[in-house]
Every structure is written in structure tokens, then in C-alpha cells.
Amino acid sequence: MSPKLTKTIIGAVVAIALAAAVSYGLISQQTADQIQTQANQTLQNDQGSLGPGSNQPPPAPSNTIPQAPGQPGASPQPPAPVPRQ
């Protein structure tokens, strides 16, 4: 597979994943736009590294994506107190 086709496929997968994340309310549209811009720049600047013989590991993902409040996995909150009668 040519490097250009590989980059195109990666870009499409990133775009679809970001669209799904925005659709489910996991990230904001602004965050998705920032991630998409960064991915596009990385793919453009990464000329030739996807070709044969490239042994560079992919960069580690950063955990800068904020979670929507109230979503599963968000910081735990104590249970609401039980009303006393």
C-alpha cells in the first residue's frame, strides 16, 4: 500500500472517530477540530516515515481530551444522601 493511501486512510479513520465522539457528547466540536488539525499536520509532516523499513513507534497519545461531566468513567462522586423520614 502506498504511503499516500495509508495517510489518507488514517486521516479518514481519525475523522470518523472524532465525529462519533462529538455525536455521543464525549468531546466538544472545538476539541475535535483541534485534534483533527493536529492529526492533519502530523500526517503532512510525516513524509516517508510510513514507507518500508520504518521502525519508529507511534507517538504516545496524550490524555488531554476532557470527559463530559456525568459520563461513565468520570471522576467518582459520593452517592446522594438518603432522605430520612
PDB file of N, CA and C in Angstrom:
ATOM      1  N   MET A   1       0.855  -1.168   0.000  1.00  0.00           N
ATOM      2  CA  MET A   1       0.000   0.000   0.000  1.00  0.00           C
ATOM      3  C   MET A   1       0.903   1.233   0.000  1.00  0.00           C
ATOM      4  N   SER A   2       0.561   2.207  -0.829  1.00  0.00           N
ATOM      5  CA  SER A   2       1.400   3.403  -0.932  1.00  0.00           C
ATOM      6  C   SER A   2       1.271   4.256   0.338  1.00  0.00           C
ATOM      7  N   PRO A   3       2.314   4.989   0.671  1.00  0.00           N
ATOM      8  CA  PRO A   3       2.254   5.848   1.869  1.00  0.00           C
ATOM      9  C   PRO A   3       1.135   6.886   1.793  1.00  0.00           C
ATOM     10  N   LYS A   4       0.882   7.404   0.587  1.00  0.00           N
ATOM     11  CA  LYS A   4      -0.173   8.408   0.450  1.00  0.00           C
ATOM     12  C   LYS A   4      -1.540   7.803   0.765  1.00  0.00           C
ATOM     13  N   LEU A   5      -1.790   6.594   0.282  1.00  0.00           N
ATOM     14  CA  LEU A   5      -3.058   5.919   0.561  1.00  0.00           C
ATOM     15  C   LEU A   5      -3.179   5.602   2.053  1.00  0.00           C
ATOM     16  N   THR A   6      -2.093   5.180   2.664  1.00  0.00           N
ATOM     17  CA  THR A   6      -2.097   4.881   4.095  1.00  0.00           C
ATOM     18  C   THR A   6      -2.448   6.124   4.903  1.00  0.00           C
ATOM     19  N   LYS A   7      -1.844   7.258   4.544  1.00  0.00           N
ATOM     20  CA  LYS A   7      -2.126   8.506   5.257  1.00  0.00           C
ATOM     21  C   LYS A   7      -3.576   8.930   5.064  1.00  0.00           C
ATOM     22  N   THR A   8      -4.103   8.719   3.860  1.00  0.00           N
ATOM     23  CA  THR A   8      -5.495   9.067   3.586  1.00  0.00           C
ATOM     24  C   THR A   8      -6.441   8.224   4.431  1.00  0.00           C
ATOM     25  N   ILE A   9      -6.158   6.939   4.523  1.00  0.00           N
ATOM     26  CA  ILE A   9      -6.995   6.034   5.318  1.00  0.00           C
ATOM     27  C   ILE A   9      -6.925   6.410   6.795  1.00  0.00           C
ATOM     28  N   ILE A  10      -5.733   6.699   7.288  1.00  0.00           N
ATOM     29  CA  ILE A  10      -5.581   7.100   8.695  1.00  0.00           C
ATOM     30  C   ILE A  10      -6.358   8.384   8.962  1.00  0.00           C
ATOM     31  N   GLY A  11      -6.254   9.339   8.061  1.00  0.00           N
ATOM     32  CA  GLY A  11      -6.981  10.596   8.221  1.00  0.00           C
ATOM     33  C   GLY A  11      -8.486  10.390   8.253  1.00  0.00           C
ATOM     34  N   ALA A  12      -8.977   9.490   7.393  1.00  0.00           N
ATOM     35  CA  ALA A  12     -10.415   9.206   7.358  1.00  0.00           C
ATOM     36  C   ALA A  12     -10.874   8.524   8.642  1.00  0.00           C
ATOM     37  N   VAL A  13     -10.092   7.598   9.147  1.00  0.00           N
ATOM     38  CA  VAL A  13     -10.448   6.901  10.382  1.00  0.00           C
ATOM     39  C   VAL A  13     -10.472   7.882  11.557  1.00  0.00           C
ATOM     40  N   VAL A  14      -9.500   8.781  11.608  1.00  0.00           N
ATOM     41  CA  VAL A  14      -9.475   9.785  12.677  1.00  0.00           C
ATOM     42  C   VAL A  14     -10.717  10.670  12.591  1.00  0.00           C
ATOM     43  N   ALA A  15     -11.063  11.098  11.374  1.00  0.00           N
ATOM     44  CA  ALA A  15     -12.229  11.968  11.200  1.00  0.00           C
ATOM     45  C   ALA A  15     -13.512  11.269  11.629  1.00  0.00           C
ATOM     46  N   ILE A  16     -13.661   9.997  11.277  1.00  0.00           N
ATOM     47  CA  ILE A  16     -14.865   9.247  11.657  1.00  0.00           C
ATOM     48  C   ILE A  16     -14.933   9.063  13.171  1.00  0.00           C
ATOM     49  N   ALA A  17     -13.802   8.733  13.781  1.00  0.00           N
ATOM     50  CA  ALA A  17     -13.778   8.540  15.236  1.00  0.00           C
ATOM     51  C   ALA A  17     -14.120   9.841  15.964  1.00  0.00           C
ATOM     52  N   LEU A  18     -13.587  10.954  15.476  1.00  0.00           N
ATOM     53  CA  LEU A  18     -13.890  12.241  16.111  1.00  0.00           C
ATOM     54  C   LEU A  18     -15.356  12.616  15.932  1.00  0.00           C
ATOM     55  N   ALA A  19     -15.908  12.346  14.757  1.00  0.00           N
ATOM     56  CA  ALA A  19     -17.323  12.645  14.527  1.00  0.00           C
ATOM     57  C   ALA A  19     -18.205  11.834  15.469  1.00  0.00           C
ATOM     58  N   ALA A  20     -17.856  10.574  15.674  1.00  0.00           N
ATOM     59  CA  ALA A  20     -18.628   9.734  16.591  1.00  0.00           C
ATOM     60  C   ALA A  20     -18.507  10.248  18.027  1.00  0.00           C
ATOM     61  N   ALA A  21     -17.309  10.649  18.419  1.00  0.00           N
ATOM     62  CA  ALA A  21     -17.099  11.153  19.780  1.00  0.00           C
ATOM     63  C   ALA A  21     -17.899  12.430  20.022  1.00  0.00           C
ATOM     64  N   VAL A  22     -17.946  13.313  19.035  1.00  0.00           N
ATOM     65  CA  VAL A  22     -18.737  14.537  19.170  1.00  0.00           C
ATOM     66  C   VAL A  22     -20.220  14.187  19.204  1.00  0.00           C
ATOM     67  N   SER A  23     -20.621  13.255  18.353  1.00  0.00           N
ATOM     68  CA  SER A  23     -22.029  12.860  18.276  1.00  0.00           C
ATOM     69  C   SER A  23     -22.536  12.297  19.604  1.00  0.00           C
ATOM     70  N   TYR A  24     -21.696  11.521  20.279  1.00  0.00           N
ATOM     71  CA  TYR A  24     -22.090  10.936  21.566  1.00  0.00           C
ATOM     72  C   TYR A  24     -21.827  11.870  22.742  1.00  0.00           C
ATOM     73  N   GLY A  25     -21.322  13.056  22.472  1.00  0.00           N
ATOM     74  CA  GLY A  25     -21.096  14.025  23.527  1.00  0.00           C
ATOM     75  C   GLY A  25     -19.865  13.754  24.369  1.00  0.00           C
ATOM     76  N   LEU A  26     -18.942  12.944  23.852  1.00  0.00           N
ATOM     77  CA  LEU A  26     -17.740  12.630  24.626  1.00  0.00           C
ATOM     78  C   LEU A  26     -16.726  13.770  24.592  1.00  0.00           C
ATOM     79  N   ILE A  27     -16.687  14.497  23.467  1.00  0.00           N
ATOM     80  CA  ILE A  27     -15.809  15.652  23.340  1.00  0.00           C
ATOM     81  C   ILE A  27     -16.579  16.765  22.644  1.00  0.00           C
ATOM     82  N   SER A  28     -16.099  17.988  22.778  1.00  0.00           N
ATOM     83  CA  SER A  28     -16.753  19.118  22.129  1.00  0.00           C
ATOM     84  C   SER A  28     -16.278  19.216  20.677  1.00  0.00           C
ATOM     85  N   GLN A  29     -17.018  19.958  19.882  1.00  0.00           N
ATOM     86  CA  GLN A  29     -16.634  20.158  18.486  1.00  0.00           C
ATOM     87  C   GLN A  29     -15.292  20.874  18.392  1.00  0.00           C
ATOM     88  N   GLN A  30     -15.060  21.812  19.315  1.00  0.00           N
ATOM     89  CA  GLN A  30     -13.793  22.546  19.323  1.00  0.00           C
ATOM     90  C   GLN A  30     -12.620  21.598  19.577  1.00  0.00           C
ATOM     91  N   THR A  31     -12.783  20.682  20.517  1.00  0.00           N
ATOM     92  CA  THR A  31     -11.736  19.714  20.809  1.00  0.00           C
ATOM     93  C   THR A  31     -11.499  18.817  19.591  1.00  0.00           C
ATOM     94  N   ALA A  32     -12.575  18.384  18.945  1.00  0.00           N
ATOM     95  CA  ALA A  32     -12.447  17.534  17.760  1.00  0.00           C
ATOM     96  C   ALA A  32     -11.703  18.274  16.650  1.00  0.00           C
ATOM     97  N   ASP A  33     -12.010  19.554  16.476  1.00  0.00           N
ATOM     98  CA  ASP A  33     -11.325  20.341  15.454  1.00  0.00           C
ATOM     99  C   ASP A  33      -9.830  20.452  15.751  1.00  0.00           C
ATOM    100  N   GLN A  34      -9.493  20.643  17.025  1.00  0.00           N
ATOM    101  CA  GLN A  34      -8.086  20.746  17.402  1.00  0.00           C
ATOM    102  C   GLN A  34      -7.353  19.431  17.141  1.00  0.00           C
ATOM    103  N   ILE A  35      -7.985  18.328  17.494  1.00  0.00           N
ATOM    104  CA  ILE A  35      -7.364  17.017  17.284  1.00  0.00           C
ATOM    105  C   ILE A  35      -7.211  16.747  15.794  1.00  0.00           C
ATOM    106  N   GLN A  36      -8.241  17.077  15.005  1.00  0.00           N
ATOM    107  CA  GLN A  36      -8.185  16.858  13.558  1.00  0.00           C
ATOM    108  C   GLN A  36      -7.070  17.681  12.930  1.00  0.00           C
ATOM    109  N   THR A  37      -6.927  18.939  13.358  1.00  0.00           N
ATOM    110  CA  THR A  37      -5.874  19.801  12.834  1.00  0.00           C
ATOM    111  C   THR A  37      -4.498  19.234  13.170  1.00  0.00           C
ATOM    112  N   GLN A  38      -4.340  18.784  14.402  1.00  0.00           N
ATOM    113  CA  GLN A  38      -3.059  18.219  14.820  1.00  0.00           C
ATOM    114  C   GLN A  38      -2.756  16.940  14.040  1.00  0.00           C
ATOM    115  N   ALA A  39      -3.760  16.103  13.832  1.00  0.00           N
ATOM    116  CA  ALA A  39      -3.563  14.866  13.070  1.00  0.00           C
ATOM    117  C   ALA A  39      -3.182  15.172  11.626  1.00  0.00           C
ATOM    118  N   ASN A  40      -3.857  16.152  11.025  1.00  0.00           N
ATOM    119  CA  ASN A  40      -3.537  16.529   9.648  1.00  0.00           C
ATOM    120  C   ASN A  40      -2.103  17.040   9.532  1.00  0.00           C
ATOM    121  N   GLN A  41      -1.689  17.876  10.491  1.00  0.00           N
ATOM    122  CA  GLN A  41      -0.322  18.400  10.465  1.00  0.00           C
ATOM    123  C   GLN A  41       0.688  17.275  10.636  1.00  0.00           C
ATOM    124  N   THR A  42       0.396  16.342  11.519  1.00  0.00           N
ATOM    125  CA  THR A  42       1.302  15.225  11.749  1.00  0.00           C
ATOM    126  C   THR A  42       1.428  14.373  10.498  1.00  0.00           C
ATOM    127  N   LEU A  43       0.303  14.107   9.851  1.00  0.00           N
ATOM    128  CA  LEU A  43       0.339  13.288   8.639  1.00  0.00           C
ATOM    129  C   LEU A  43       1.075  14.009   7.508  1.00  0.00           C
ATOM    130  N   GLN A  44       0.931  15.319   7.407  1.00  0.00           N
ATOM    131  CA  GLN A  44       1.620  16.068   6.360  1.00  0.00           C
ATOM    132  C   GLN A  44       3.115  16.166   6.627  1.00  0.00           C
ATOM    133  N   ASN A  45       3.489  16.341   7.881  1.00  0.00           N
ATOM    134  CA  ASN A  45       4.901  16.486   8.239  1.00  0.00           C
ATOM    135  C   ASN A  45       5.635  15.161   8.301  1.00  0.00           C
ATOM    136  N   ASP A  46       4.924  14.078   8.312  1.00  0.00           N
ATOM    137  CA  ASP A  46       5.496  12.751   8.490  1.00  0.00           C
ATOM    138  C   ASP A  46       5.749  12.099   7.134  1.00  0.00           C
ATOM    139  N   GLN A  47       6.433  12.785   6.246  1.00  0.00           N
ATOM    140  CA  GLN A  47       6.650  12.281   4.902  1.00  0.00           C
ATOM    141  C   GLN A  47       7.656  11.148   4.915  1.00  0.00           C
ATOM    142  N   GLY A  48       7.249  10.035   4.324  1.00  0.00           N
ATOM    143  CA  GLY A  48       8.156   8.920   4.150  1.00  0.00           C
ATOM    144  C   GLY A  48       8.313   8.011   5.339  1.00  0.00           C
ATOM    145  N   SER A  49       7.811   8.359   6.484  1.00  0.00           N
ATOM    146  CA  SER A  49       8.036   7.504   7.647  1.00  0.00           C
ATOM    147  C   SER A  49       7.117   6.292   7.644  1.00  0.00           C
ATOM    148  N   LEU A  50       6.071   6.299   6.798  1.00  0.00           N
ATOM    149  CA  LEU A  50       5.188   5.139   6.734  1.00  0.00           C
ATOM    150  C   LEU A  50       5.645   4.139   5.685  1.00  0.00           C
ATOM    151  N   GLY A  51       6.735   4.438   5.023  1.00  0.00           N
ATOM    152  CA  GLY A  51       7.237   3.545   3.993  1.00  0.00           C
ATOM    153  C   GLY A  51       7.906   2.330   4.602  1.00  0.00           C
ATOM    154  N   PRO A  52       8.340   1.403   3.759  1.00  0.00           N
ATOM    155  CA  PRO A  52       9.005   0.195   4.259  1.00  0.00           C
ATOM    156  C   PRO A  52      10.277   0.553   5.018  1.00  0.00           C
ATOM    157  N   GLY A  53      10.556  -0.216   6.037  1.00  0.00           N
ATOM    158  CA  GLY A  53      11.766  -0.013   6.811  1.00  0.00           C
ATOM    159  C   GLY A  53      11.613   0.997   7.932  1.00  0.00           C
ATOM    160  N   SER A  54      10.439   1.514   8.111  1.00  0.00           N
ATOM    161  CA  SER A  54      10.229   2.479   9.188  1.00  0.00           C
ATOM    162  C   SER A  54       9.946   1.727  10.479  1.00  0.00           C
ATOM    163  N   ASN A  55      10.801   1.907  11.461  1.00  0.00           N
ATOM    164  CA  ASN A  55      10.638   1.199  12.729  1.00  0.00           C
ATOM    165  C   ASN A  55      10.326   2.145  13.868  1.00  0.00           C
ATOM    166  N   GLN A  56       9.867   3.354  13.557  1.00  0.00           N
ATOM    167  CA  GLN A  56       9.554   4.304  14.607  1.00  0.00           C
ATOM    168  C   GLN A  56       8.208   3.960  15.227  1.00  0.00           C
ATOM    169  N   PRO A  57       8.148   3.903  16.555  1.00  0.00           N
ATOM    170  CA  PRO A  57       6.848   3.648  17.184  1.00  0.00           C
ATOM    171  C   PRO A  57       5.964   4.879  17.076  1.00  0.00           C
ATOM    172  N   PRO A  58       4.649   4.702  17.065  1.00  0.00           N
ATOM    173  CA  PRO A  58       3.762   5.865  17.013  1.00  0.00           C
ATOM    174  C   PRO A  58       3.876   6.664  18.298  1.00  0.00           C
ATOM    175  N   PRO A  59       3.625   7.973  18.236  1.00  0.00           N
ATOM    176  CA  PRO A  59       3.719   8.776  19.453  1.00  0.00           C
ATOM    177  C   PRO A  59       2.658   8.355  20.467  1.00  0.00           C
ATOM    178  N   ALA A  60       3.007   8.449  21.728  1.00  0.00           N
ATOM    179  CA  ALA A  60       2.062   8.081  22.784  1.00  0.00           C
ATOM    180  C   ALA A  60       0.919   9.073  22.813  1.00  0.00           C
ATOM    181  N   PRO A  61      -0.314   8.593  22.942  1.00  0.00           N
ATOM    182  CA  PRO A  61      -1.444   9.521  22.979  1.00  0.00           C
ATOM    183  C   PRO A  61      -1.422  10.330  24.271  1.00  0.00           C
ATOM    184  N   SER A  62      -1.783  11.596  24.147  1.00  0.00           N
ATOM    185  CA  SER A  62      -1.848  12.429  25.339  1.00  0.00           C
ATOM    186  C   SER A  62      -3.264  12.390  25.882  1.00  0.00           C
ATOM    187  N   ASN A  63      -3.384  12.472  27.169  1.00  0.00           N
ATOM    188  CA  ASN A  63      -4.694  12.409  27.817  1.00  0.00           C
ATOM    189  C   ASN A  63      -5.234  13.807  28.041  1.00  0.00           C
ATOM    190  N   THR A  64      -5.286  14.596  26.976  1.00  0.00           N
ATOM    191  CA  THR A  64      -5.776  15.957  27.108  1.00  0.00           C
ATOM    192  C   THR A  64      -7.224  16.086  26.684  1.00  0.00           C
ATOM    193  N   ILE A  65      -7.867  14.979  26.344  1.00  0.00           N
ATOM    194  CA  ILE A  65      -9.256  15.029  25.919  1.00  0.00           C
ATOM    195  C   ILE A  65     -10.139  15.050  27.161  1.00  0.00           C
ATOM    196  N   PRO A  66     -10.863  16.155  27.373  1.00  0.00           N
ATOM    197  CA  PRO A  66     -11.710  16.220  28.570  1.00  0.00           C
ATOM    198  C   PRO A  66     -12.944  15.337  28.421  1.00  0.00           C
ATOM    199  N   GLN A  67     -13.383  14.785  29.522  1.00  0.00           N
ATOM    200  CA  GLN A  67     -14.597  13.980  29.520  1.00  0.00           C
ATOM    201  C   GLN A  67     -15.779  14.858  29.852  1.00  0.00           C
ATOM    202  N   ALA A  68     -16.901  14.548  29.243  1.00  0.00           N
ATOM    203  CA  ALA A  68     -18.126  15.285  29.551  1.00  0.00           C
ATOM    204  C   ALA A  68     -18.551  14.944  30.970  1.00  0.00           C
ATOM    205  N   PRO A  69     -19.079  15.907  31.717  1.00  0.00           N
ATOM    206  CA  PRO A  69     -19.497  15.608  33.087  1.00  0.00           C
ATOM    207  C   PRO A  69     -20.648  14.610  33.099  1.00  0.00           C
ATOM    208  N   GLY A  70     -20.614  13.741  34.069  1.00  0.00           N
ATOM    209  CA  GLY A  70     -21.692  12.773  34.236  1.00  0.00           C
ATOM    210  C   GLY A  70     -21.548  11.542  33.369  1.00  0.00           C
ATOM    211  N   GLN A  71     -20.485  11.447  32.600  1.00  0.00           N
ATOM    212  CA  GLN A  71     -20.292  10.283  31.751  1.00  0.00           C
ATOM    213  C   GLN A  71     -19.637   9.170  32.567  1.00  0.00           C
ATOM    214  N   PRO A  72     -19.872   7.928  32.183  1.00  0.00           N
ATOM    215  CA  PRO A  72     -19.195   6.826  32.887  1.00  0.00           C
ATOM    216  C   PRO A  72     -17.689   7.007  32.796  1.00  0.00           C
ATOM    217  N   GLY A  73     -17.014   6.748  33.866  1.00  0.00           N
ATOM    218  CA  GLY A  73     -15.568   6.896  33.904  1.00  0.00           C
ATOM    219  C   GLY A  73     -15.131   8.265  34.381  1.00  0.00           C
ATOM    220  N   ALA A  74     -16.070   9.172  34.579  1.00  0.00           N
ATOM    221  CA  ALA A  74     -15.723  10.497  35.089  1.00  0.00           C
ATOM    222  C   ALA A  74     -15.310  10.354  36.546  1.00  0.00           C
ATOM    223  N   SER A  75     -14.786  11.414  37.117  1.00  0.00           N
ATOM    224  CA  SER A  75     -14.331  11.319  38.494  1.00  0.00           C
ATOM    225  C   SER A  75     -15.498  10.887  39.388  1.00  0.00           C
ATOM    226  N   PRO A  76     -15.246   9.921  40.248  1.00  0.00           N
ATOM    227  CA  PRO A  76     -16.345   9.388  41.072  1.00  0.00           C
ATOM    228  C   PRO A  76     -16.873  10.431  42.047  1.00  0.00           C
ATOM    229  N   GLN A  77     -18.168  10.392  42.236  1.00  0.00           N
ATOM    230  CA  GLN A  77     -18.805  11.296  43.183  1.00  0.00           C
ATOM    231  C   GLN A  77     -19.488  10.443  44.248  1.00  0.00           C
ATOM    232  N   PRO A  78     -19.535  10.947  45.469  1.00  0.00           N
ATOM    233  CA  PRO A  78     -20.196  10.167  46.510  1.00  0.00           C
ATOM    234  C   PRO A  78     -21.691  10.052  46.196  1.00  0.00           C
ATOM    235  N   PRO A  79     -22.307   8.968  46.620  1.00  0.00           N
ATOM    236  CA  PRO A  79     -23.739   8.802  46.368  1.00  0.00           C
ATOM    237  C   PRO A  79     -24.540   9.862  47.118  1.00  0.00           C
ATOM    238  N   ALA A  80     -25.682  10.169  46.561  1.00  0.00           N
ATOM    239  CA  ALA A  80     -26.553  11.175  47.190  1.00  0.00           C
ATOM    240  C   ALA A  80     -27.045  10.638  48.532  1.00  0.00           C
ATOM    241  N   PRO A  81     -27.157  11.501  49.522  1.00  0.00           N
ATOM    242  CA  PRO A  81     -27.628  11.025  50.836  1.00  0.00           C
ATOM    243  C   PRO A  81     -29.095  10.569  50.739  1.00  0.00           C
ATOM    244  N   VAL A  82     -29.408   9.536  51.509  1.00  0.00           N
ATOM    245  CA  VAL A  82     -30.772   9.009  51.531  1.00  0.00           C
ATOM    246  C   VAL A  82     -31.619   9.897  52.427  1.00  0.00           C
ATOM    247  N   PRO A  83     -32.752  10.385  51.908  1.00  0.00           N
ATOM    248  CA  PRO A  83     -33.594  11.237  52.749  1.00  0.00           C
ATOM    249  C   PRO A  83     -34.129  10.450  53.959  1.00  0.00           C
ATOM    250  N   ARG A  84     -34.083  11.088  55.107  1.00  0.00           N
ATOM    251  CA  ARG A  84     -34.580  10.430  56.341  1.00  0.00           C
ATOM    252  C   ARG A  84     -36.005  10.868  56.606  1.00  0.00           C
ATOM    253  N   GLN A  85     -36.755   9.923  57.084  1.00  0.00           N
ATOM    254  CA  GLN A  85     -38.167  10.224  57.332  1.00  0.00           C
ATOM    255  C   GLN A  85     -38.465  10.307  58.797  1.00  0.00           C
TER     256      GLN A  85
END
